């Protein structure tokens, strides 16, 4: 290996993986060439690992923020549905009495919920059937 005094280096000199300086015109053995190749490969692997860690951090932060926002949207949507149901009961009370309006709104809400469950069940059944095929 061609180790030199640091004062005699030029711009075209380079550093090997083990921090030794080599001139481009110097004769390298095959072992030194492979050592340099392995060092470069390790440096590339470390750089790629750092890049993938950064990407994973960005994705996880984005997914976390999206989950928080979707959770807030779900809470507000459920509150709005509750307010709508209360409003329907208040609106129907003069016509059906308080008990009748409450019963009517609850029955209709349960029917809608049941239809949604049946729709979900049919989608799951179709999905499992498609996965087996």
Protein backbone atom coordinates (compact mmCIF):
# COMPACT_ATOMS: atom_id res chain seq x y z
CA UNK A 1 0.00 0.00 0.00
CA UNK A 2 1.23 3.45 -0.84
CA UNK A 3 1.14 5.52 2.37
CA UNK A 4 2.47 9.05 2.04
CA UNK A 5 3.05 12.13 4.10
CA UNK A 6 -0.08 14.27 4.19
CA UNK A 7 1.83 17.36 3.05
CA UNK A 8 2.58 15.84 -0.38
CA UNK A 9 -1.05 15.22 -1.39
CA UNK A 10 -2.64 16.72 -4.47
CA UNK A 11 -6.28 17.31 -5.40
CA UNK A 12 -6.44 14.05 -7.39
CA UNK A 13 -5.33 11.92 -4.39
CA UNK A 14 -8.03 9.89 -2.64
CA UNK A 15 -8.66 8.21 0.70
CA UNK A 16 -9.25 4.48 1.07
CA UNK A 17 -11.79 3.00 3.48
CA UNK A 18 -9.08 2.47 6.10
CA UNK A 19 -8.07 6.18 5.93
CA UNK A 20 -4.89 5.63 3.90
CA UNK A 21 -4.15 8.00 1.02
CA UNK A 22 -3.53 6.64 -2.47
CA UNK A 23 -2.44 8.42 -5.62
CA UNK A 24 -4.39 7.49 -8.77
CA UNK A 25 -1.20 6.57 -10.64
CA UNK A 26 0.04 4.29 -7.83
CA UNK A 27 0.03 0.54 -8.43
CA UNK A 28 -2.55 -1.19 -6.26
CA UNK A 29 -2.66 -4.86 -5.58
CA UNK A 30 -5.88 -6.80 -6.06
CA UNK A 31 -6.25 -7.05 -2.29
CA UNK A 32 -6.03 -3.27 -1.92
CA UNK A 33 -8.55 -2.79 -4.73
CA UNK A 34 -10.98 -5.21 -3.10
CA UNK A 35 -10.41 -3.54 0.26
CA UNK A 36 -11.31 -0.20 -1.29
CA UNK A 37 -14.34 -1.76 -3.01
CA UNK A 38 -15.58 -3.29 0.25
CA UNK A 39 -15.05 0.01 2.06
CA UNK A 40 -17.04 1.87 -0.59
CA UNK A 41 -19.79 -0.75 -0.40
CA UNK A 42 -19.99 -0.37 3.37
CA UNK A 43 -20.19 3.41 3.06
CA UNK A 44 -22.98 3.07 0.47
CA UNK A 45 -24.86 0.60 2.67
CA UNK A 46 -24.65 2.94 5.66
CA UNK A 47 -25.82 5.90 3.58
CA UNK A 48 -28.73 3.88 2.18
CA UNK A 49 -29.67 2.69 5.68
CA UNK A 50 -29.68 6.28 6.93
CA UNK A 51 -31.84 7.30 3.94
CA UNK A 52 -34.35 4.52 4.61
CA UNK A 53 -34.49 5.42 8.30
CA UNK A 54 -35.28 9.01 7.35
CA UNK A 55 -38.01 7.86 4.95
CA UNK A 56 -39.51 5.58 7.62
CA UNK A 57 -39.52 8.47 10.09
CA UNK A 58 -41.28 10.73 7.60
CA UNK A 59 -43.89 8.06 6.80
CA UNK A 60 -44.54 7.22 10.45
CA UNK A 61 -44.93 10.88 11.39
CA UNK A 62 -47.34 11.41 8.50
CA UNK A 63 -49.35 8.30 9.38
CA UNK A 64 -49.53 9.36 13.03
CA UNK A 65 -50.74 12.84 12.11
CA UNK A 66 -53.31 11.43 9.67
CA UNK A 67 -54.61 9.01 12.33
CA UNK A 68 -54.97 11.84 14.85
CA UNK A 69 -56.85 14.01 12.35
CA UNK A 70 -59.11 11.12 11.28
CA UNK A 71 -59.84 10.33 14.92
CA UNK A 72 -60.86 13.95 15.53
CA UNK A 73 -63.04 13.91 12.40
CA UNK A 74 -64.75 10.71 13.59
CA UNK A 75 -65.50 12.21 17.00
CA UNK A 76 -67.00 15.34 15.42
CA UNK A 77 -69.02 13.27 12.93
CA UNK A 78 -70.46 11.13 15.73
CA UNK A 79 -71.34 14.26 17.71
CA UNK A 80 -73.08 15.68 14.63
CA UNK A 81 -75.09 12.49 14.17
CA UNK A 82 -76.09 12.62 17.84
CA UNK A 83 -77.17 16.24 17.46
CA UNK A 84 -79.17 15.31 14.35
CA UNK A 85 -80.98 12.53 16.21
CA UNK A 86 -81.80 14.84 19.12
CA UNK A 87 -83.03 17.45 16.66
CA UNK A 88 -85.27 14.87 14.97
CA UNK A 89 -86.75 13.88 18.32
CA UNK A 90 -87.44 17.53 19.19
CA UNK A 91 -88.95 18.13 15.75
CA UNK A 92 -91.21 15.06 15.90
CA UNK A 93 -92.33 15.55 19.52
CA UNK A 94 -95.35 17.78 18.73
CA UNK A 95 -96.60 15.20 16.23
CA UNK A 96 -95.78 11.88 17.96
CA UNK A 97 -95.32 12.88 21.62
CA UNK A 98 -91.91 12.69 23.28
CA UNK A 99 -91.93 8.91 23.72
CA UNK A 100 -93.21 8.23 20.20
CA UNK A 101 -90.65 10.56 18.60
CA UNK A 102 -87.84 8.96 20.57
CA UNK A 103 -89.00 5.45 19.62
CA UNK A 104 -89.36 6.38 15.94
CA UNK A 105 -85.89 7.95 15.73
CA UNK A 106 -84.23 5.05 17.59
CA UNK A 107 -85.97 2.43 15.41
CA UNK A 108 -84.99 4.18 12.17
CA UNK A 109 -81.40 4.64 13.40
CA UNK A 110 -81.18 0.94 14.31
CA UNK A 111 -82.58 -0.07 10.91
CA UNK A 112 -79.92 2.07 9.16
CA UNK A 113 -77.21 0.58 11.40
CA UNK A 114 -78.44 -2.95 10.60
CA UNK A 115 -78.36 -2.24 6.85
CA UNK A 116 -74.79 -0.96 7.19
CA UNK A 117 -73.78 -4.13 9.09
CA UNK A 118 -75.37 -6.34 6.41
CA UNK A 119 -73.50 -4.42 3.72
CA UNK A 120 -70.22 -4.85 5.59
CA UNK A 121 -70.92 -8.56 6.07
CA UNK A 122 -71.54 -9.07 2.35
CA UNK A 123 -68.31 -7.22 1.50
CA UNK A 124 -66.32 -9.38 3.93
CA UNK A 125 -67.92 -12.55 2.55
CA UNK A 126 -67.10 -11.52 -1.03
CA UNK A 127 -63.55 -10.60 -0.04
CA UNK A 128 -62.89 -13.95 1.66
CA UNK A 129 -64.41 -15.81 -1.31
CA UNK A 130 -62.18 -13.85 -3.73
CA UNK A 131 -59.11 -14.54 -1.59
CA UNK A 132 -59.75 -18.30 -1.68
CA UNK A 133 -60.12 -18.30 -5.48
